[in-house]
Amino acid sequence: MSGNPSNDCSRFDALPEKVRREMTLFTGHAPLISGVEAANTAKTITFLRNPVSRVKSFCQHVSEGKSPYLIAQFPPERFDLDKFLESGNDELSNLQTKMLINDNNCTSSLLINSMSAQQARDMALENLYHKIAHFGLQEYFDESLMIFYSALGWRIPVYYTRNTKANRKALRFEQRHLDRISELNRIDLEVYEVARKHLVGIIEGAEFDLEKLRRFRTFNNPVVRSVIRVMEFIQPS
């Protein structure tokens, strides 16, 4: 899923019927109702992220020229953070709430602007708790994967970090930028805080296996993985 429902539907419809019929996993960015019926009826898991961190990351992404649709308006060599934060771009404000309440269009502000902040927050949380099978938080990434792992019967997940920022081009966020981001994401911040408390309650509960989490983190340590790969390579066949 690319986040563009029209393109996603076209790409899915263009697949051979056999491939569509045997599809077992959809990944990427999409609203709760994506326009692809097979995805809409599938069991859904998702991650939320601290809204301020999310927007900072998005700004960094755009400043590096990684959002093609914004390059002409905000070229990397002349990127102006203040100007971008005042641009009215729909991805800058309450995007996670929009994705939880919108049909088909991830970033559309039509629905969220037609209701009060409390109504939007409540609808987002209602969908998060009752239409999403399981959710995690990026700030509790390993713990979230362990919840998915236990609930869905996965093998131990192995993951690698990708799409990291270019440190030499890292944006500098002043307090006025952070204040503006918080202002733009007031509803997302409320949704995130309720979700965070819910997830922390699960992690601190008696059923959460801390020892399994420790082993999982050890297994996903890049140094440990490198040693395992070397040992597998030198084992006689």
C-alpha atoms as a PDB file:
ATOM      1  CA  MET A   1       0.000   0.000   0.000  1.00  0.00           C
ATOM      2  CA  SER A   2       1.461   3.347  -1.072  1.00  0.00           C
ATOM      3  CA  GLY A   3      -0.991   5.636   0.695  1.00  0.00           C
ATOM      4  CA  ASN A   4      -2.608   6.602  -2.612  1.00  0.00           C
ATOM      5  CA  PRO A   5      -5.859   4.566  -2.670  1.00  0.00           C
ATOM      6  CA  SER A   6      -6.540   5.102  -6.364  1.00  0.00           C
ATOM      7  CA  ASN A   7      -3.060   3.874  -7.338  1.00  0.00           C
ATOM      8  CA  ASP A   8      -3.223   0.985  -4.864  1.00  0.00           C
ATOM      9  CA  CYS A   9      -6.551  -0.207  -6.275  1.00  0.00           C
ATOM     10  CA  SER A  10      -5.274   0.043  -9.844  1.00  0.00           C
ATOM     11  CA  ARG A  11      -2.115  -1.889  -9.004  1.00  0.00           C
ATOM     12  CA  PHE A  12      -4.087  -4.588  -7.200  1.00  0.00           C
ATOM     13  CA  ASP A  13      -6.671  -4.913  -9.996  1.00  0.00           C
ATOM     14  CA  ALA A  14      -3.853  -5.230 -12.551  1.00  0.00           C
ATOM     15  CA  LEU A  15      -2.472  -8.339 -10.825  1.00  0.00           C
ATOM     16  CA  PRO A  16      -3.353 -11.735 -12.307  1.00  0.00           C
ATOM     17  CA  GLU A  17      -6.489 -13.209 -10.752  1.00  0.00           C
ATOM     18  CA  LYS A  18      -4.546 -16.148  -9.319  1.00  0.00           C
ATOM     19  CA  VAL A  19      -2.136 -13.786  -7.564  1.00  0.00           C
ATOM     20  CA  ARG A  20      -4.994 -11.704  -6.155  1.00  0.00           C
ATOM     21  CA  ARG A  21      -6.763 -14.814  -4.936  1.00  0.00           C
ATOM     22  CA  GLU A  22      -3.659 -16.144  -3.168  1.00  0.00           C
ATOM     23  CA  MET A  23      -2.612 -12.841  -1.613  1.00  0.00           C
ATOM     24  CA  THR A  24      -1.884 -13.388   2.091  1.00  0.00           C
ATOM     25  CA  LEU A  25      -0.330 -10.098   3.235  1.00  0.00           C
ATOM     26  CA  PHE A  26      -0.778  -6.389   2.540  1.00  0.00           C
ATOM     27  CA  THR A  27       1.793  -3.955   3.928  1.00  0.00           C
ATOM     28  CA  GLY A  28       2.466  -0.238   3.726  1.00  0.00           C
ATOM     29  CA  HIS A  29       0.403   2.903   4.307  1.00  0.00           C
ATOM     30  CA  ALA A  30      -3.365   2.876   3.984  1.00  0.00           C
ATOM     31  CA  PRO A  31      -6.434   4.198   5.782  1.00  0.00           C
ATOM     32  CA  LEU A  32      -8.531   1.744   7.752  1.00  0.00           C
ATOM     33  CA  ILE A  33     -10.788   1.310   4.707  1.00  0.00           C
ATOM     34  CA  SER A  34      -8.376   1.175   1.794  1.00  0.00           C
ATOM     35  CA  GLY A  35     -10.559   0.646  -1.262  1.00  0.00           C
ATOM     36  CA  VAL A  36      -9.081  -2.839  -1.816  1.00  0.00           C
ATOM     37  CA  GLU A  37     -11.780  -5.167  -0.523  1.00  0.00           C
ATOM     38  CA  ALA A  38      -9.397  -8.059   0.123  1.00  0.00           C
ATOM     39  CA  ALA A  39      -7.325  -5.784   2.367  1.00  0.00           C
ATOM     40  CA  ASN A  40     -10.359  -4.315   4.094  1.00  0.00           C
ATOM     41  CA  THR A  41     -11.526  -7.741   5.247  1.00  0.00           C
ATOM     42  CA  ALA A  42      -8.094  -8.953   6.367  1.00  0.00           C
ATOM     43  CA  LYS A  43      -6.952  -8.992   9.983  1.00  0.00           C
ATOM     44  CA  THR A  44      -5.182  -5.677  10.547  1.00  0.00           C
ATOM     45  CA  ILE A  45      -2.210  -4.769  12.740  1.00  0.00           C
ATOM     46  CA  THR A  46      -0.644  -1.330  12.886  1.00  0.00           C
ATOM     47  CA  PHE A  47       1.927   0.862  14.607  1.00  0.00           C
ATOM     48  CA  LEU A  48       1.360   4.318  16.008  1.00  0.00           C
ATOM     49  CA  ARG A  49       4.192   6.768  16.567  1.00  0.00           C
ATOM     50  CA  ASN A  50       4.678   9.762  18.823  1.00  0.00           C
ATOM     51  CA  PRO A  51       3.067  12.472  16.644  1.00  0.00           C
ATOM     52  CA  VAL A  52       5.843  15.016  17.159  1.00  0.00           C
ATOM     53  CA  SER A  53       8.486  12.437  16.247  1.00  0.00           C
ATOM     54  CA  ARG A  54       6.426  11.406  13.228  1.00  0.00           C
ATOM     55  CA  VAL A  55       6.201  14.932  11.842  1.00  0.00           C
ATOM     56  CA  LYS A  56       9.889  15.598  12.524  1.00  0.00           C
ATOM     57  CA  SER A  57      10.686  12.454  10.553  1.00  0.00           C
ATOM     58  CA  PHE A  58       8.357  13.512   7.739  1.00  0.00           C
ATOM     59  CA  CYS A  59      10.007  16.938   7.548  1.00  0.00           C
ATOM     60  CA  GLN A  60      13.417  15.262   7.402  1.00  0.00           C
ATOM     61  CA  HIS A  61      12.138  12.919   4.692  1.00  0.00           C
ATOM     62  CA  VAL A  62      10.907  15.825   2.564  1.00  0.00           C
ATOM     63  CA  SER A  63      14.095  17.840   3.149  1.00  0.00           C
ATOM     64  CA  GLU A  64      16.110  14.947   1.694  1.00  0.00           C
ATOM     65  CA  GLY A  65      13.948  14.829  -1.442  1.00  0.00           C
ATOM     66  CA  LYS A  66      12.364  11.487  -0.551  1.00  0.00           C
ATOM     67  CA  SER A  67       8.765  12.627  -1.165  1.00  0.00           C
ATOM     68  CA  PRO A  68       8.635  12.979  -4.964  1.00  0.00           C
ATOM     69  CA  TYR A  69       5.346  14.886  -5.026  1.00  0.00           C
ATOM     70  CA  LEU A  70       6.872  17.667  -2.906  1.00  0.00           C
ATOM     71  CA  ILE A  71      10.270  18.074  -4.563  1.00  0.00           C
ATOM     72  CA  ALA A  72       9.162  20.827  -6.946  1.00  0.00           C
ATOM     73  CA  GLN A  73       7.559  22.866  -4.158  1.00  0.00           C
ATOM     74  CA  PHE A  74      10.213  22.134  -1.515  1.00  0.00           C
ATOM     75  CA  PRO A  75      13.491  21.270  -3.282  1.00  0.00           C
ATOM     76  CA  PRO A  76      16.069  19.778  -0.898  1.00  0.00           C
ATOM     77  CA  GLU A  77      18.699  22.390  -1.685  1.00  0.00           C
ATOM     78  CA  ARG A  78      16.362  25.199  -0.603  1.00  0.00           C
ATOM     79  CA  PHE A  79      14.222  23.458   2.009  1.00  0.00           C
ATOM     80  CA  ASP A  80      12.717  25.923   4.490  1.00  0.00           C
ATOM     81  CA  LEU A  81      11.352  24.224   7.617  1.00  0.00           C
ATOM     82  CA  ASP A  82       9.274  27.208   8.747  1.00  0.00           C
ATOM     83  CA  LYS A  83       7.693  27.540   5.325  1.00  0.00           C
ATOM     84  CA  PHE A  84       6.962  23.828   5.136  1.00  0.00           C
ATOM     85  CA  LEU A  85       5.270  23.735   8.553  1.00  0.00           C
ATOM     86  CA  GLU A  86       2.964  26.551   7.395  1.00  0.00           C
ATOM     87  CA  SER A  87       2.279  24.972   3.993  1.00  0.00           C
ATOM     88  CA  GLY A  88      -0.999  23.294   4.983  1.00  0.00           C
ATOM     89  CA  ASN A  89       0.242  19.905   3.791  1.00  0.00           C
ATOM     90  CA  ASP A  90      -2.253  17.304   5.027  1.00  0.00           C
ATOM     91  CA  GLU A  91       0.474  14.929   6.198  1.00  0.00           C
ATOM     92  CA  LEU A  92       1.644  17.478   8.771  1.00  0.00           C
ATOM     93  CA  SER A  93      -1.508  17.468  10.890  1.00  0.00           C
ATOM     94  CA  ASN A  94      -3.247  14.623  12.756  1.00  0.00           C
ATOM     95  CA  LEU A  95      -2.334  12.079  10.080  1.00  0.00           C
ATOM     96  CA  GLN A  96      -2.706   9.048  12.345  1.00  0.00           C
ATOM     97  CA  THR A  97      -6.215  10.077  13.381  1.00  0.00           C
ATOM     98  CA  LYS A  98      -7.111  10.642   9.731  1.00  0.00           C
ATOM     99  CA  MET A  99      -5.878   7.182   8.813  1.00  0.00           C
ATOM    100  CA  LEU A 100      -7.957   5.635  11.584  1.00  0.00           C
ATOM    101  CA  ILE A 101     -11.193   7.385  10.613  1.00  0.00           C
ATOM    102  CA  ASN A 102     -10.920   7.957   6.858  1.00  0.00           C
ATOM    103  CA  ASP A 103     -12.211   5.800   4.040  1.00  0.00           C
ATOM    104  CA  ASN A 104      -9.989   5.524   0.964  1.00  0.00           C
ATOM    105  CA  ASN A 105      -8.032   8.789   1.362  1.00  0.00           C
ATOM    106  CA  CYS A 106      -5.314   8.681   4.042  1.00  0.00           C
ATOM    107  CA  THR A 107      -4.645  12.381   4.260  1.00  0.00           C
ATOM    108  CA  SER A 108      -8.037  13.936   3.528  1.00  0.00           C
ATOM    109  CA  SER A 109      -9.129  16.523   6.094  1.00  0.00           C
ATOM    110  CA  LEU A 110     -12.803  16.509   5.056  1.00  0.00           C
ATOM    111  CA  LEU A 111     -14.069  14.156   7.763  1.00  0.00           C
ATOM    112  CA  ILE A 112     -11.854  15.364  10.602  1.00  0.00           C
ATOM    113  CA  ASN A 113     -12.795  18.987   9.864  1.00  0.00           C
ATOM    114  CA  SER A 114     -16.497  18.127   9.998  1.00  0.00           C
ATOM    115  CA  MET A 115     -16.386  17.041  13.653  1.00  0.00           C
ATOM    116  CA  SER A 116     -15.086  18.300  16.960  1.00  0.00           C
ATOM    117  CA  ALA A 117     -11.641  17.324  18.204  1.00  0.00           C
ATOM    118  CA  GLN A 118     -13.235  15.104  20.844  1.00  0.00           C
ATOM    119  CA  GLN A 119     -15.427  13.349  18.278  1.00  0.00           C
ATOM    120  CA  ALA A 120     -12.430  12.702  16.018  1.00  0.00           C
ATOM    121  CA  ARG A 121     -10.359  11.412  18.951  1.00  0.00           C
ATOM    122  CA  ASP A 122     -13.144   9.120  20.157  1.00  0.00           C
ATOM    123  CA  MET A 123     -13.802   7.736  16.674  1.00  0.00           C
ATOM    124  CA  ALA A 124     -10.088   7.063  16.131  1.00  0.00           C
ATOM    125  CA  LEU A 125      -9.799   5.235  19.456  1.00  0.00           C
ATOM    126  CA  GLU A 126     -12.994   3.272  18.840  1.00  0.00           C
ATOM    127  CA  ASN A 127     -11.597   2.041  15.519  1.00  0.00           C
ATOM    128  CA  LEU A 128      -8.165   1.383  17.000  1.00  0.00           C
ATOM    129  CA  TYR A 129      -9.599  -0.805  19.751  1.00  0.00           C
ATOM    130  CA  HIS A 130     -12.361  -2.546  17.817  1.00  0.00           C
ATOM    131  CA  LYS A 131     -11.403  -2.620  14.117  1.00  0.00           C
ATOM    132  CA  ILE A 132      -7.645  -3.120  14.452  1.00  0.00           C
ATOM    133  CA  ALA A 133      -6.754  -6.631  15.619  1.00  0.00           C
ATOM    134  CA  HIS A 134      -3.560  -5.549  17.408  1.00  0.00           C
ATOM    135  CA  PHE A 135      -1.585  -2.323  17.557  1.00  0.00           C
ATOM    136  CA  GLY A 136       1.877  -1.353  18.735  1.00  0.00           C
ATOM    137  CA  LEU A 137       3.919   1.800  19.197  1.00  0.00           C
ATOM    138  CA  GLN A 138       7.182   2.547  17.454  1.00  0.00           C
ATOM    139  CA  GLU A 139       8.613   3.784  20.745  1.00  0.00           C
ATOM    140  CA  TYR A 140       7.958   0.280  22.153  1.00  0.00           C
ATOM    141  CA  PHE A 141       8.919  -1.522  18.977  1.00  0.00           C
ATOM    142  CA  ASP A 142      10.322  -4.753  20.413  1.00  0.00           C
ATOM    143  CA  GLU A 143       7.543  -5.048  22.975  1.00  0.00           C
ATOM    144  CA  SER A 144       4.961  -4.501  20.230  1.00  0.00           C
ATOM    145  CA  LEU A 145       6.488  -7.198  18.044  1.00  0.00           C
ATOM    146  CA  MET A 146       6.350  -9.578  20.982  1.00  0.00           C
ATOM    147  CA  ILE A 147       2.638  -8.852  21.381  1.00  0.00           C
ATOM    148  CA  PHE A 148       2.084  -9.542  17.656  1.00  0.00           C
ATOM    149  CA  TYR A 149       4.302 -12.630  17.862  1.00  0.00           C
ATOM    150  CA  SER A 150       2.292 -14.142  20.711  1.00  0.00           C
ATOM    151  CA  ALA A 151      -1.146 -13.169  19.412  1.00  0.00           C
ATOM    152  CA  LEU A 152      -0.630 -14.251  15.807  1.00  0.00           C
ATOM    153  CA  GLY A 153       1.515 -17.359  16.297  1.00  0.00           C
ATOM    154  CA  TRP A 154       4.543 -15.972  14.440  1.00  0.00           C
ATOM    155  CA  ARG A 155       7.990 -17.439  14.443  1.00  0.00           C
ATOM    156  CA  ILE A 156      10.461 -15.175  16.249  1.00  0.00           C
ATOM    157  CA  PRO A 157      10.582 -12.032  14.065  1.00  0.00           C
ATOM    158  CA  VAL A 158      13.916 -10.856  12.690  1.00  0.00           C
ATOM    159  CA  TYR A 159      14.155  -7.221  11.616  1.00  0.00           C
ATOM    160  CA  TYR A 160      16.673  -4.789  10.171  1.00  0.00           C
ATOM    161  CA  THR A 161      16.718  -0.989  10.314  1.00  0.00           C
ATOM    162  CA  ARG A 162      16.192   0.693   6.939  1.00  0.00           C
ATOM    163  CA  ASN A 163      15.424   4.172   5.602  1.00  0.00           C
ATOM    164  CA  THR A 164      17.587   5.956   8.174  1.00  0.00           C
ATOM    165  CA  LYS A 165      18.060   9.716   7.977  1.00  0.00           C
ATOM    166  CA  ALA A 166      21.173  11.342   6.512  1.00  0.00           C
ATOM    167  CA  ASN A 167      22.843  12.677   9.675  1.00  0.00           C
ATOM    168  CA  ARG A 168      24.902  15.228   7.786  1.00  0.00           C
ATOM    169  CA  LYS A 169      21.636  16.769   6.555  1.00  0.00           C
ATOM    170  CA  ALA A 170      19.693  16.475   9.808  1.00  0.00           C
ATOM    171  CA  LEU A 171      17.239  19.316  10.312  1.00  0.00           C
ATOM    172  CA  ARG A 172      17.497  21.455  13.404  1.00  0.00           C
ATOM    173  CA  PHE A 173      14.176  21.825  15.183  1.00  0.00           C
ATOM    174  CA  GLU A 174      13.856  24.915  17.350  1.00  0.00           C
ATOM    175  CA  GLN A 175      11.230  25.237  20.077  1.00  0.00           C
ATOM    176  CA  ARG A 176       8.949  27.226  17.747  1.00  0.00           C
ATOM    177  CA  HIS A 177       8.981  24.295  15.330  1.00  0.00           C
ATOM    178  CA  LEU A 178       8.104  21.797  18.058  1.00  0.00           C
ATOM    179  CA  ASP A 179       5.333  24.049  19.337  1.00  0.00           C
ATOM    180  CA  ARG A 180       3.879  24.355  15.850  1.00  0.00           C
ATOM    181  CA  ILE A 181       4.022  20.589  15.301  1.00  0.00           C
ATOM    182  CA  SER A 182       2.230  20.000  18.612  1.00  0.00           C
ATOM    183  CA  GLU A 183      -0.404  22.561  17.661  1.00  0.00           C
ATOM    184  CA  LEU A 184      -1.001  20.859  14.313  1.00  0.00           C
ATOM    185  CA  ASN A 185      -1.302  17.443  15.948  1.00  0.00           C
ATOM    186  CA  ARG A 186      -3.395  18.104  19.027  1.00  0.00           C
ATOM    187  CA  ILE A 187      -5.831  15.278  18.268  1.00  0.00           C
ATOM    188  CA  ASP A 188      -3.080  12.827  17.356  1.00  0.00           C
ATOM    189  CA  LEU A 189      -1.328  13.602  20.640  1.00  0.00           C
ATOM    190  CA  GLU A 190      -4.461  12.759  22.603  1.00  0.00           C
ATOM    191  CA  VAL A 191      -5.026   9.535  20.666  1.00  0.00           C
ATOM    192  CA  TYR A 192      -1.398   8.554  21.086  1.00  0.00           C
ATOM    193  CA  GLU A 193      -1.365   9.151  24.835  1.00  0.00           C
ATOM    194  CA  VAL A 194      -4.449   6.977  25.415  1.00  0.00           C
ATOM    195  CA  ALA A 195      -2.964   4.240  23.205  1.00  0.00           C
ATOM    196  CA  ARG A 196       0.404   4.514  24.972  1.00  0.00           C
ATOM    197  CA  LYS A 197      -1.148   4.016  28.401  1.00  0.00           C
ATOM    198  CA  HIS A 198      -3.079   1.011  27.085  1.00  0.00           C
ATOM    199  CA  LEU A 199       0.035  -0.624  25.630  1.00  0.00           C
ATOM    200  CA  VAL A 200       2.172   0.089  28.704  1.00  0.00           C
ATOM    201  CA  GLY A 201      -0.524  -1.587  30.787  1.00  0.00           C
ATOM    202  CA  ILE A 202      -0.161  -4.736  28.661  1.00  0.00           C
ATOM    203  CA  ILE A 203       3.643  -4.658  28.857  1.00  0.00           C
ATOM    204  CA  GLU A 204       3.574  -4.238  32.636  1.00  0.00           C
ATOM    205  CA  GLY A 205       0.937  -6.959  33.036  1.00  0.00           C
ATOM    206  CA  ALA A 206       1.621 -10.378  34.484  1.00  0.00           C
ATOM    207  CA  GLU A 207       1.068 -12.149  31.134  1.00  0.00           C
ATOM    208  CA  PHE A 208       3.807 -10.250  29.297  1.00  0.00           C
ATOM    209  CA  ASP A 209       6.920 -12.459  29.141  1.00  0.00           C
ATOM    210  CA  LEU A 210       9.937 -10.253  29.952  1.00  0.00           C
ATOM    211  CA  GLU A 211      12.362 -13.157  29.660  1.00  0.00           C
ATOM    212  CA  LYS A 212      11.112 -13.910  26.148  1.00  0.00           C
ATOM    213  CA  LEU A 213      11.549 -10.217  25.324  1.00  0.00           C
ATOM    214  CA  ARG A 214      15.156 -10.359  26.551  1.00  0.00           C
ATOM    215  CA  ARG A 215      15.891 -13.380  24.343  1.00  0.00           C
ATOM    216  CA  PHE A 216      14.178 -11.716  21.412  1.00  0.00           C
ATOM    217  CA  ARG A 217      16.349  -8.608  21.772  1.00  0.00           C
ATOM    218  CA  THR A 218      19.474 -10.717  22.045  1.00  0.00           C
ATOM    219  CA  PHE A 219      18.505 -12.598  18.896  1.00  0.00           C
ATOM    220  CA  ASN A 220      17.944  -9.337  17.007  1.00  0.00           C
ATOM    221  CA  ASN A 221      21.205  -7.742  18.149  1.00  0.00           C
ATOM    222  CA  PRO A 222      23.161  -7.062  14.913  1.00  0.00           C
ATOM    223  CA  VAL A 223      26.404  -8.362  16.456  1.00  0.00           C
ATOM    224  CA  VAL A 224      24.754 -11.604  17.569  1.00  0.00           C
ATOM    225  CA  ARG A 225      23.148 -12.062  14.142  1.00  0.00           C
ATOM    226  CA  SER A 226      26.542 -11.573  12.475  1.00  0.00           C
ATOM    227  CA  VAL A 227      28.095 -14.252  14.680  1.00  0.00           C
ATOM    228  CA  ILE A 228      25.229 -16.634  13.901  1.00  0.00           C
ATOM    229  CA  ARG A 229      25.651 -16.061  10.148  1.00  0.00           C
ATOM    230  CA  VAL A 230      29.407 -16.673  10.375  1.00  0.00           C
ATOM    231  CA  MET A 231      28.861 -19.868  12.363  1.00  0.00           C
ATOM    232  CA  GLU A 232      26.286 -21.086   9.843  1.00  0.00           C
ATOM    233  CA  PHE A 233      28.711 -20.334   7.007  1.00  0.00           C
ATOM    234  CA  ILE A 234      31.606 -22.288   8.492  1.00  0.00           C
ATOM    235  CA  GLN A 235      29.538 -25.310   9.519  1.00  0.00           C
ATOM    236  CA  PRO A 236      30.482 -28.322   7.369  1.00  0.00           C
ATOM    237  CA  SER A 237      27.750 -29.408   4.992  1.00  0.00           C
END
